[in-house]
C-alpha atoms as a PDB file:
ATOM      1  CA  MET A   1      41.817 -67.229-104.802  1.00  0.00           C
ATOM      2  CA  LEU A   2      40.518 -63.683-105.331  1.00  0.00           C
ATOM      3  CA  GLU A   3      39.188 -63.673-101.774  1.00  0.00           C
ATOM      4  CA  GLN A   4      42.787 -63.484-100.573  1.00  0.00           C
ATOM      5  CA  ILE A   5      43.427 -60.560-102.937  1.00  0.00           C
ATOM      6  CA  PHE A   6      40.422 -58.366-102.221  1.00  0.00           C
ATOM      7  CA  LEU A   7      39.419 -59.168 -98.647  1.00  0.00           C
ATOM      8  CA  VAL A   8      40.981 -58.224 -95.334  1.00  0.00           C
ATOM      9  CA  LYS A   9      42.021 -61.023 -92.989  1.00  0.00           C
ATOM     10  CA  GLN A  10      38.824 -60.931 -90.911  1.00  0.00           C
ATOM     11  CA  ASP A  11      36.622 -61.287 -93.984  1.00  0.00           C
ATOM     12  CA  VAL A  12      38.734 -64.134 -95.343  1.00  0.00           C
ATOM     13  CA  GLU A  13      38.266 -65.962 -92.031  1.00  0.00           C
ATOM     14  CA  LYS A  14      34.486 -65.544 -92.168  1.00  0.00           C
ATOM     15  CA  TYR A  15      34.425 -66.738 -95.760  1.00  0.00           C
ATOM     16  CA  ARG A  16      36.551 -69.761 -94.893  1.00  0.00           C
ATOM     17  CA  MET A  17      34.249 -70.581 -91.995  1.00  0.00           C
ATOM     18  CA  LEU A  18      31.152 -70.554 -94.183  1.00  0.00           C
ATOM     19  CA  THR A  19      32.971 -72.690 -96.751  1.00  0.00           C
ATOM     20  CA  VAL A  20      33.748 -75.268 -94.062  1.00  0.00           C
ATOM     21  CA  ILE A  21      30.180 -75.160 -92.733  1.00  0.00           C
ATOM     22  CA  LYS A  22      28.763 -75.755 -96.207  1.00  0.00           C
ATOM     23  CA  SER A  23      31.092 -78.710 -96.714  1.00  0.00           C
ATOM     24  CA  LEU A  24      29.965 -80.529 -93.563  1.00  0.00           C
ATOM     25  CA  PRO A  25      26.907 -82.749 -93.133  1.00  0.00           C
ATOM     26  CA  PRO A  26      24.346 -80.857 -90.998  1.00  0.00           C
ATOM     27  CA  ARG A  27      24.806 -83.207 -88.035  1.00  0.00           C
ATOM     28  CA  GLU A  28      28.533 -82.360 -87.943  1.00  0.00           C
ATOM     29  CA  VAL A  29      28.114 -78.581 -87.943  1.00  0.00           C
ATOM     30  CA  ASN A  30      29.341 -77.413 -84.563  1.00  0.00           C
ATOM     31  CA  LEU A  31      32.042 -75.042 -83.368  1.00  0.00           C
ATOM     32  CA  SER A  32      34.353 -77.822 -82.216  1.00  0.00           C
ATOM     33  CA  ASN A  33      34.448 -79.466 -85.645  1.00  0.00           C
ATOM     34  CA  ILE A  34      34.842 -76.137 -87.401  1.00  0.00           C
ATOM     35  CA  SER A  35      37.619 -75.113 -85.026  1.00  0.00           C
ATOM     36  CA  SER A  36      39.466 -78.304 -85.902  1.00  0.00           C
ATOM     37  CA  LYS A  37      38.955 -77.837 -89.646  1.00  0.00           C
ATOM     38  CA  LEU A  38      40.153 -74.242 -89.568  1.00  0.00           C
ATOM     39  CA  GLN A  39      42.929 -74.995 -87.077  1.00  0.00           C
ATOM     40  CA  PHE A  40      41.818 -72.100 -84.888  1.00  0.00           C
ATOM     41  CA  THR A  41      41.275 -72.048 -81.146  1.00  0.00           C
ATOM     42  CA  TYR A  42      37.719 -72.558 -79.976  1.00  0.00           C
ATOM     43  CA  GLN A  43      37.548 -68.950 -78.737  1.00  0.00           C
ATOM     44  CA  LYS A  44      38.724 -67.545 -82.067  1.00  0.00           C
ATOM     45  CA  THR A  45      36.257 -69.766 -83.914  1.00  0.00           C
ATOM     46  CA  TYR A  46      33.453 -68.511 -81.683  1.00  0.00           C
ATOM     47  CA  ASN A  47      34.414 -64.877 -82.340  1.00  0.00           C
ATOM     48  CA  ILE A  48      34.494 -65.437 -86.105  1.00  0.00           C
ATOM     49  CA  PHE A  49      31.099 -67.103 -85.935  1.00  0.00           C
ATOM     50  CA  GLN A  50      29.617 -64.093 -84.126  1.00  0.00           C
ATOM     51  CA  ALA A  51      30.939 -61.824 -86.884  1.00  0.00           C
ATOM     52  CA  LEU A  52      29.540 -64.200 -89.507  1.00  0.00           C
ATOM     53  CA  LEU A  53      26.123 -64.028 -87.832  1.00  0.00           C
ATOM     54  CA  GLU A  54      26.104 -60.244 -88.240  1.00  0.00           C
ATOM     55  CA  ASP A  55      26.769 -60.610 -91.965  1.00  0.00           C
ATOM     56  CA  LEU A  56      24.130 -63.300 -92.415  1.00  0.00           C
ATOM     57  CA  ALA A  57      21.510 -61.013 -90.909  1.00  0.00           C
ATOM     58  CA  GLU A  58      22.196 -58.617 -93.785  1.00  0.00           C
ATOM     59  CA  VAL A  59      22.925 -60.917 -96.711  1.00  0.00           C
ATOM     60  CA  ALA A  60      20.558 -63.811 -95.911  1.00  0.00           C
ATOM     61  CA  PRO A  61      17.262 -62.386 -94.610  1.00  0.00           C
ATOM     62  CA  ASP A  62      15.601 -65.801 -94.930  1.00  0.00           C
ATOM     63  CA  ILE A  63      17.719 -67.058 -92.043  1.00  0.00           C
ATOM     64  CA  ASP A  64      15.924 -66.575 -88.729  1.00  0.00           C
ATOM     65  CA  PRO A  65      17.917 -63.917 -86.791  1.00  0.00           C
ATOM     66  CA  SER A  66      16.779 -65.479 -83.521  1.00  0.00           C
ATOM     67  CA  ASP A  67      18.825 -68.585 -84.366  1.00  0.00           C
ATOM     68  CA  THR A  68      22.149 -67.813 -82.741  1.00  0.00           C
ATOM     69  CA  LYS A  69      23.308 -71.379 -82.168  1.00  0.00           C
ATOM     70  CA  ILE A  70      25.242 -72.768 -85.075  1.00  0.00           C
ATOM     71  CA  GLU A  71      23.471 -76.121 -84.837  1.00  0.00           C
ATOM     72  CA  SER A  72      20.043 -74.539 -85.389  1.00  0.00           C
ATOM     73  CA  ILE A  73      20.849 -72.376 -88.422  1.00  0.00           C
ATOM     74  CA  ASP A  74      19.699 -73.496 -91.864  1.00  0.00           C
ATOM     75  CA  PHE A  75      22.807 -72.806 -93.928  1.00  0.00           C
ATOM     76  CA  THR A  76      21.137 -74.020 -97.124  1.00  0.00           C
ATOM     77  CA  LYS A  77      19.597 -70.537 -97.288  1.00  0.00           C
ATOM     78  CA  ILE A  78      22.943 -68.881 -98.060  1.00  0.00           C
ATOM     79  CA  ALA A  79      25.163 -69.762-101.024  1.00  0.00           C
ATOM     80  CA  ILE A  80      28.938 -69.461-100.973  1.00  0.00           C
ATOM     81  CA  ASP A  81      28.883 -67.333-104.130  1.00  0.00           C
ATOM     82  CA  THR A  82      26.314 -64.978-102.611  1.00  0.00           C
ATOM     83  CA  TYR A  83      28.367 -64.439 -99.477  1.00  0.00           C
ATOM     84  CA  ARG A  84      31.589 -63.939-101.419  1.00  0.00           C
ATOM     85  CA  LEU A  85      29.885 -61.323-103.591  1.00  0.00           C
ATOM     86  CA  PHE A  86      28.622 -59.547-100.475  1.00  0.00           C
ATOM     87  CA  LEU A  87      32.109 -59.430 -98.964  1.00  0.00           C
ATOM     88  CA  VAL A  88      33.958 -58.400-102.108  1.00  0.00           C
ATOM     89  CA  LYS A  89      31.494 -55.666-103.057  1.00  0.00           C
ATOM     90  CA  ASN A  90      32.204 -54.113 -99.659  1.00  0.00           C
ATOM     91  CA  SER A  91      35.964 -54.422-100.129  1.00  0.00           C
ATOM     92  CA  VAL A  92      37.696 -51.081-100.645  1.00  0.00           C
ATOM     93  CA  VAL A  93      40.273 -52.767-102.901  1.00  0.00           C
ATOM     94  CA  PHE A  94      37.587 -54.114-105.222  1.00  0.00           C
ATOM     95  CA  GLN A  95      35.781 -50.778-105.125  1.00  0.00           C
ATOM     96  CA  ALA A  96      39.027 -49.063-106.143  1.00  0.00           C
ATOM     97  CA  PHE A  97      39.496 -51.478-109.053  1.00  0.00           C
ATOM     98  CA  ASN A  98      35.888 -51.034-110.203  1.00  0.00           C
ATOM     99  CA  TYR A  99      36.110 -47.256-109.846  1.00  0.00           C
ATOM    100  CA  GLY A 100      39.306 -47.016-111.885  1.00  0.00           C
ATOM    101  CA  LEU A 101      37.934 -49.235-114.637  1.00  0.00           C
ATOM    102  CA  THR A 102      34.483 -47.685-115.045  1.00  0.00           C
ATOM    103  CA  SER A 103      34.738 -44.005-114.062  1.00  0.00           C
ATOM    104  CA  ALA A 104      35.079 -41.379-116.785  1.00  0.00           C
ATOM    105  CA  ASN A 105      37.764 -39.371-114.970  1.00  0.00           C
ATOM    106  CA  PRO A 106      39.034 -41.437-112.046  1.00  0.00           C
ATOM    107  CA  SER A 107      41.352 -39.982-109.442  1.00  0.00           C
ATOM    108  CA  PHE A 108      43.184 -41.812-106.653  1.00  0.00           C
ATOM    109  CA  GLU A 109      42.830 -38.769-104.420  1.00  0.00           C
ATOM    110  CA  ASN A 110      39.084 -38.391-105.048  1.00  0.00           C
ATOM    111  CA  PHE A 111      38.487 -42.068-104.359  1.00  0.00           C
ATOM    112  CA  SER A 112      40.472 -41.909-101.115  1.00  0.00           C
ATOM    113  CA  ASN A 113      38.513 -38.881 -99.948  1.00  0.00           C
ATOM    114  CA  GLU A 114      35.145 -40.426-100.815  1.00  0.00           C
ATOM    115  CA  HIS A 115      35.997 -43.627 -98.945  1.00  0.00           C
ATOM    116  CA  PHE A 116      37.610 -41.903 -95.965  1.00  0.00           C
ATOM    117  CA  THR A 117      40.878 -43.761 -96.361  1.00  0.00           C
ATOM    118  CA  SER A 118      44.394 -42.446 -96.804  1.00  0.00           C
ATOM    119  CA  LYS A 119      46.355 -43.130 -99.974  1.00  0.00           C
ATOM    120  CA  SER A 120      49.015 -44.950 -97.952  1.00  0.00           C
ATOM    121  CA  THR A 121      46.424 -47.251 -96.351  1.00  0.00           C
ATOM    122  CA  LEU A 122      44.808 -47.999 -99.698  1.00  0.00           C
ATOM    123  CA  ASN A 123      48.185 -48.641-101.299  1.00  0.00           C
ATOM    124  CA  ARG A 124      49.040 -51.088 -98.532  1.00  0.00           C
ATOM    125  CA  ARG A 125      45.744 -52.930 -98.938  1.00  0.00           C
ATOM    126  CA  MET A 126      46.241 -53.126-102.697  1.00  0.00           C
ATOM    127  CA  ALA A 127      49.606 -54.888-102.443  1.00  0.00           C
ATOM    128  CA  LYS A 128      48.163 -58.335-103.222  1.00  0.00           C
ATOM    129  CA  PHE A 129      46.076 -56.933-106.056  1.00  0.00           C
ATOM    130  CA  ARG A 130      49.176 -55.388-107.608  1.00  0.00           C
ATOM    131  CA  ALA A 131      50.902 -58.765-107.385  1.00  0.00           C
ATOM    132  CA  PHE A 132      47.863 -60.375-109.040  1.00  0.00           C
ATOM    133  CA  LEU A 133      48.029 -57.856-111.894  1.00  0.00           C
ATOM    134  CA  LYS A 134      51.635 -58.830-112.586  1.00  0.00           C
ATOM    135  CA  ASN A 135      50.339 -62.235-113.731  1.00  0.00           C
ATOM    136  CA  PHE A 136      48.812 -60.339-116.650  1.00  0.00           C
ATOM    137  CA  GLY A 137      51.714 -57.946-117.143  1.00  0.00           C
ATOM    138  CA  LEU A 138      49.595 -55.081-115.792  1.00  0.00           C
ATOM    139  CA  LYS A 139      49.878 -52.282-113.240  1.00  0.00           C
ATOM    140  CA  ILE A 140      47.452 -49.972-111.447  1.00  0.00           C
ATOM    141  CA  SER A 141      48.038 -46.239-111.684  1.00  0.00           C
ATOM    142  CA  ASN A 142      49.029 -44.392-108.512  1.00  0.00           C
ATOM    143  CA  SER A 143      47.255 -41.266-109.740  1.00  0.00           C
ATOM    144  CA  THR A 144      44.037 -42.519-111.373  1.00  0.00           C
ATOM    145  CA  LEU A 145      43.553 -46.142-110.208  1.00  0.00           C
ATOM    146  CA  GLU A 146      43.239 -47.123-113.869  1.00  0.00           C
ATOM    147  CA  ILE A 147      44.754 -50.393-115.039  1.00  0.00           C
ATOM    148  CA  LYS A 148      47.727 -49.860-117.339  1.00  0.00           C
ATOM    149  CA  GLY A 149      49.308 -52.262-119.799  1.00  0.00           C
ATOM    150  CA  ASN A 150      48.431 -54.343-122.833  1.00  0.00           C
ATOM    151  CA  GLU A 151      44.788 -53.681-123.669  1.00  0.00           C
ATOM    152  CA  LYS A 152      44.079 -57.288-124.556  1.00  0.00           C
ATOM    153  CA  ASN A 153      45.355 -58.396-121.171  1.00  0.00           C
ATOM    154  CA  ILE A 154      43.228 -55.778-119.418  1.00  0.00           C
ATOM    155  CA  ARG A 155      40.134 -57.324-121.042  1.00  0.00           C
ATOM    156  CA  TRP A 156      41.072 -60.836-119.902  1.00  0.00           C
ATOM    157  CA  MET A 157      41.924 -59.780-116.376  1.00  0.00           C
ATOM    158  CA  SER A 158      38.760 -57.700-115.991  1.00  0.00           C
ATOM    159  CA  TYR A 159      36.562 -60.505-117.269  1.00  0.00           C
ATOM    160  CA  TYR A 160      38.219 -62.982-114.926  1.00  0.00           C
ATOM    161  CA  VAL A 161      37.653 -60.743-111.887  1.00  0.00           C
ATOM    162  CA  TYR A 162      34.055 -59.803-112.645  1.00  0.00           C
ATOM    163  CA  TRP A 163      32.993 -63.314-113.574  1.00  0.00           C
ATOM    164  CA  TYR A 164      34.700 -64.895-110.563  1.00  0.00           C
ATOM    165  CA  ILE A 165      33.100 -62.395-108.189  1.00  0.00           C
ATOM    166  CA  TYR A 166      29.627 -61.956-109.666  1.00  0.00           C
ATOM    167  CA  HIS A 167      29.077 -65.306-111.400  1.00  0.00           C
ATOM    168  CA  GLY A 168      25.873 -64.124-113.061  1.00  0.00           C
ATOM    169  CA  GLN A 169      24.172 -63.284-109.758  1.00  0.00           C
ATOM    170  CA  GLU A 170      23.629 -59.664-110.733  1.00  0.00           C
ATOM    171  CA  TRP A 171      24.717 -57.188-113.399  1.00  0.00           C
ATOM    172  CA  PRO A 172      28.063 -55.704-112.302  1.00  0.00           C
ATOM    173  CA  PHE A 173      28.374 -52.770-114.702  1.00  0.00           C
ATOM    174  CA  GLY A 174      26.544 -49.629-113.635  1.00  0.00           C
ATOM    175  CA  LEU A 175      28.059 -47.730-116.562  1.00  0.00           C
ATOM    176  CA  ILE A 176      26.518 -50.104-119.128  1.00  0.00           C
ATOM    177  CA  GLN A 177      22.866 -51.064-119.441  1.00  0.00           C
ATOM    178  CA  GLU A 178      22.408 -54.808-119.670  1.00  0.00           C
ATOM    179  CA  SER A 179      19.720 -54.280-122.312  1.00  0.00           C
ATOM    180  CA  SER A 180      22.260 -52.666-124.661  1.00  0.00           C
ATOM    181  CA  ILE A 181      24.368 -55.827-124.553  1.00  0.00           C
ATOM    182  CA  ASP A 182      21.271 -57.972-125.050  1.00  0.00           C
ATOM    183  CA  GLN A 183      20.473 -55.954-128.178  1.00  0.00           C
ATOM    184  CA  ILE A 184      23.923 -56.570-129.661  1.00  0.00           C
ATOM    185  CA  ILE A 185      23.707 -60.303-129.021  1.00  0.00           C
ATOM    186  CA  GLY A 186      20.127 -60.469-130.267  1.00  0.00           C
ATOM    187  CA  ARG A 187      21.083 -58.760-133.513  1.00  0.00           C
ATOM    188  CA  THR A 188      23.785 -61.320-134.250  1.00  0.00           C
ATOM    189  CA  GLY A 189      21.460 -64.278-133.932  1.00  0.00           C
ATOM    190  CA  ILE A 190      23.945 -66.068-131.653  1.00  0.00           C
ATOM    191  CA  THR A 191      22.238 -68.653-129.456  1.00  0.00           C
ATOM    192  CA  PHE A 192      23.449 -70.388-126.316  1.00  0.00           C
ATOM    193  CA  ASN A 193      22.668 -73.891-125.119  1.00  0.00           C
ATOM    194  CA  ASN A 194      23.977 -73.039-121.657  1.00  0.00           C
ATOM    195  CA  PRO A 195      22.836 -69.898-119.778  1.00  0.00           C
ATOM    196  CA  ILE A 196      26.220 -69.674-118.051  1.00  0.00           C
ATOM    197  CA  VAL A 197      27.916 -69.230-121.432  1.00  0.00           C
ATOM    198  CA  HIS A 198      25.366 -66.534-122.256  1.00  0.00           C
ATOM    199  CA  PHE A 199      26.178 -64.586-119.080  1.00  0.00           C
ATOM    200  CA  GLN A 200      29.911 -64.961-119.631  1.00  0.00           C
ATOM    201  CA  PHE A 201      29.645 -63.540-123.128  1.00  0.00           C
ATOM    202  CA  LYS A 202      27.546 -60.631-121.873  1.00  0.00           C
ATOM    203  CA  TYR A 203      30.184 -59.802-119.263  1.00  0.00           C
ATOM    204  CA  PHE A 204      32.946 -59.803-121.853  1.00  0.00           C
ATOM    205  CA  LEU A 205      30.968 -57.606-124.262  1.00  0.00           C
ATOM    206  CA  ALA A 206      30.173 -55.172-121.433  1.00  0.00           C
ATOM    207  CA  ILE A 207      33.865 -54.872-120.554  1.00  0.00           C
ATOM    208  CA  SER A 208      34.607 -54.336-124.239  1.00  0.00           C
ATOM    209  CA  ARG A 209      32.007 -51.564-124.325  1.00  0.00           C
ATOM    210  CA  ILE A 210      33.430 -49.861-121.243  1.00  0.00           C
ATOM    211  CA  ARG A 211      36.932 -49.873-122.710  1.00  0.00           C
ATOM    212  CA  LEU A 212      35.783 -48.586-126.108  1.00  0.00           C
ATOM    213  CA  ILE A 213      33.688 -45.819-124.552  1.00  0.00           C
ATOM    214  CA  LYS A 214      36.802 -44.720-122.663  1.00  0.00           C
ATOM    215  CA  ARG A 215      38.764 -44.912-125.961  1.00  0.00           C
ATOM    216  CA  ASN A 216      40.994 -47.740-124.859  1.00  0.00           C
ATOM    217  CA  TYR A 217      41.561 -49.576-128.122  1.00  0.00           C
ATOM    218  CA  ILE A 218      43.318 -52.808-129.034  1.00  0.00           C
ATOM    219  CA  GLU A 219      46.009 -51.454-131.328  1.00  0.00           C
ATOM    220  CA  ASP A 220      47.341 -54.830-132.403  1.00  0.00           C
ATOM    221  CA  LEU A 221      47.044 -58.571-131.852  1.00  0.00           C
ATOM    222  CA  PRO A 222      50.566 -59.988-132.178  1.00  0.00           C
ATOM    223  CA  TYR A 223      50.784 -63.453-133.755  1.00  0.00           C
ATOM    224  CA  TYR A 224      47.036 -63.614-134.434  1.00  0.00           C
ATOM    225  CA  SER A 225      47.564 -64.081-138.175  1.00  0.00           C
ATOM    226  CA  ASP A 226      50.369 -66.584-137.509  1.00  0.00           C
ATOM    227  CA  VAL A 227      47.954 -68.756-135.549  1.00  0.00           C
ATOM    228  CA  PHE A 228      44.732 -68.301-137.508  1.00  0.00           C
ATOM    229  CA  GLY A 229      45.889 -67.039-140.912  1.00  0.00           C
ATOM    230  CA  ASP A 230      42.948 -65.745-142.961  1.00  0.00           C
ATOM    231  CA  GLN A 231      40.477 -67.951-141.123  1.00  0.00           C
ATOM    232  CA  THR A 232      37.503 -66.071-139.710  1.00  0.00           C
ATOM    233  CA  LEU A 233      36.228 -67.056-136.286  1.00  0.00           C
ATOM    234  CA  GLY A 234      32.786 -65.622-136.903  1.00  0.00           C
ATOM    235  CA  GLU A 235      30.884 -62.649-138.259  1.00  0.00           C
ATOM    236  CA  ASP A 236      31.654 -59.218-136.836  1.00  0.00           C
ATOM    237  CA  ILE A 237      29.643 -58.799-133.657  1.00  0.00           C
ATOM    238  CA  LEU A 238      30.404 -55.119-133.122  1.00  0.00           C
ATOM    239  CA  THR A 239      29.645 -52.671-135.917  1.00  0.00           C
ATOM    240  CA  HIS A 240      30.620 -49.148-136.905  1.00  0.00           C
ATOM    241  CA  GLU A 241      27.066 -48.105-136.015  1.00  0.00           C
ATOM    242  CA  ASP A 242      27.705 -49.309-132.462  1.00  0.00           C
ATOM    243  CA  TYR A 243      30.963 -47.363-132.191  1.00  0.00           C
ATOM    244  CA  PRO A 244      31.170 -44.667-134.899  1.00  0.00           C
ATOM    245  CA  ILE A 245      34.274 -42.977-133.453  1.00  0.00           C
ATOM    246  CA  VAL A 246      36.345 -46.149-133.040  1.00  0.00           C
ATOM    247  CA  PRO A 247      39.005 -46.491-135.783  1.00  0.00           C
ATOM    248  CA  VAL A 248      38.274 -49.235-138.310  1.00  0.00           C
ATOM    249  CA  SER A 249      41.457 -51.154-137.480  1.00  0.00           C
ATOM    250  CA  ALA A 250      40.732 -51.029-133.748  1.00  0.00           C
ATOM    251  CA  LEU A 251      37.164 -52.261-134.260  1.00  0.00           C
ATOM    252  CA  ASP A 252      38.492 -55.086-136.438  1.00  0.00           C
ATOM    253  CA  ASN A 253      40.856 -56.139-133.635  1.00  0.00           C
ATOM    254  CA  GLU A 254      37.997 -55.868-131.155  1.00  0.00           C
ATOM    255  CA  ASN A 255      35.874 -58.254-133.194  1.00  0.00           C
ATOM    256  CA  LYS A 256      38.768 -60.684-133.534  1.00  0.00           C
ATOM    257  CA  LEU A 257      39.266 -60.754-129.769  1.00  0.00           C
ATOM    258  CA  VAL A 258      35.540 -61.050-129.036  1.00  0.00           C
ATOM    259  CA  ASN A 259      35.147 -63.959-131.455  1.00  0.00           C
ATOM    260  CA  LEU A 260      38.290 -65.657-130.185  1.00  0.00           C
ATOM    261  CA  PHE A 261      37.013 -65.328-126.644  1.00  0.00           C
ATOM    262  CA  ARG A 262      33.591 -66.657-127.623  1.00  0.00           C
ATOM    263  CA  LYS A 263      35.117 -69.675-129.356  1.00  0.00           C
ATOM    264  CA  THR A 264      37.680 -70.655-126.732  1.00  0.00           C
ATOM    265  CA  ALA A 265      36.928 -69.284-123.267  1.00  0.00           C
ATOM    266  CA  PHE A 266      33.450 -70.539-122.501  1.00  0.00           C
ATOM    267  CA  GLN A 267      33.774 -74.102-121.303  1.00  0.00           C
ATOM    268  CA  PRO A 268      31.463 -74.664-118.310  1.00  0.00           C
ATOM    269  CA  SER A 269      31.482 -78.134-116.823  1.00  0.00           C
ATOM    270  CA  ASP A 270      28.454 -80.386-116.540  1.00  0.00           C
ATOM    271  CA  LYS A 271      28.287 -79.442-112.859  1.00  0.00           C
ATOM    272  CA  ALA A 272      28.621 -75.714-113.467  1.00  0.00           C
ATOM    273  CA  PHE A 273      25.267 -75.006-111.836  1.00  0.00           C
ATOM    274  CA  GLU A 274      26.235 -76.922-108.687  1.00  0.00           C
ATOM    275  CA  GLU A 275      29.800 -75.753-108.122  1.00  0.00           C
ATOM    276  CA  PRO A 276      30.912 -72.343-106.863  1.00  0.00           C
ATOM    277  CA  ILE A 277      32.761 -70.394-109.527  1.00  0.00           C
ATOM    278  CA  ASN A 278      36.124 -70.743-107.769  1.00  0.00           C
ATOM    279  CA  ALA A 279      36.065 -74.502-108.377  1.00  0.00           C
ATOM    280  CA  ASN A 280      37.778 -74.047-111.749  1.00  0.00           C
ATOM    281  CA  ALA A 281      39.507 -70.739-111.067  1.00  0.00           C
ATOM    282  CA  GLU A 282      43.064 -72.000-111.394  1.00  0.00           C
ATOM    283  CA  SER A 283      42.447 -73.708-114.745  1.00  0.00           C
ATOM    284  CA  THR A 284      40.681 -70.594-116.040  1.00  0.00           C
ATOM    285  CA  LEU A 285      43.562 -68.357-115.028  1.00  0.00           C
ATOM    286  CA  SER A 286      46.039 -70.814-116.569  1.00  0.00           C
ATOM    287  CA  SER A 287      44.191 -70.663-119.886  1.00  0.00           C
ATOM    288  CA  MET A 288      44.258 -66.883-119.809  1.00  0.00           C
ATOM    289  CA  ARG A 289      47.982 -66.802-119.120  1.00  0.00           C
ATOM    290  CA  SER A 290      48.550 -69.057-122.119  1.00  0.00           C
ATOM    291  CA  PHE A 291      46.571 -66.723-124.357  1.00  0.00           C
ATOM    292  CA  ILE A 292      48.411 -63.655-123.097  1.00  0.00           C
ATOM    293  CA  THR A 293      51.657 -65.061-124.499  1.00  0.00           C
ATOM    294  CA  LEU A 294      50.257 -64.690-128.033  1.00  0.00           C
END
């Protein structure tokens, strides 16, 4: 789903082609079959394949570059998630989102200049991303590229995007050291039976840290007490020593959200190691939308 939001048409076509290739038995991998599956002409399919080959030379060095016939390429050496990450990281729309979220003083104009793209072109390319943000009741600033709206919803949306795109393949947050998140988790004594759940929690805590560092606080959690009353969902994970300048009430709300997320959001399937992350994307987004109504 996010491929359609962040990628240009040509990249979406390459991604779709690799998805089809990976779904076929090796003996059925040929341009004619792929052309039929994609409902493209043979010539267009051939052109897309040539563009895909150029990407594979960069993202999958284990694939022999001398293999230029589709039938002779070992596609087990490239994962769908790996290729999607490669494409999205090079997407100017994703780069704009990441820049606005993590930079100390982001500026639309500075980003446009650094990426040699006009503001009008970037705005046009971000149209689908803006529509995506509306699902969370959010907007992106035309002056800073920062996400604006309910802070709780910003956390959910950001987690959804980063987890969908990165899926634990690498640490996405240059602003935050992974070791600092490991220290927080280690101090709490929380353990994880599933490494996927561990990575998910680390992503959410990193996003929390980015927002708190930039002084974006959760001012309130409407209906939280109506749903949970005085019940605690766990010990405070974040402390005043971690964030001495964060108001006490804001840190309390932060801990409530973190514990709620930890208790409800991490539900990997038994086949989580085998399936690409987008396999359960719609159900994940549906769950988030339900929470946002609180």
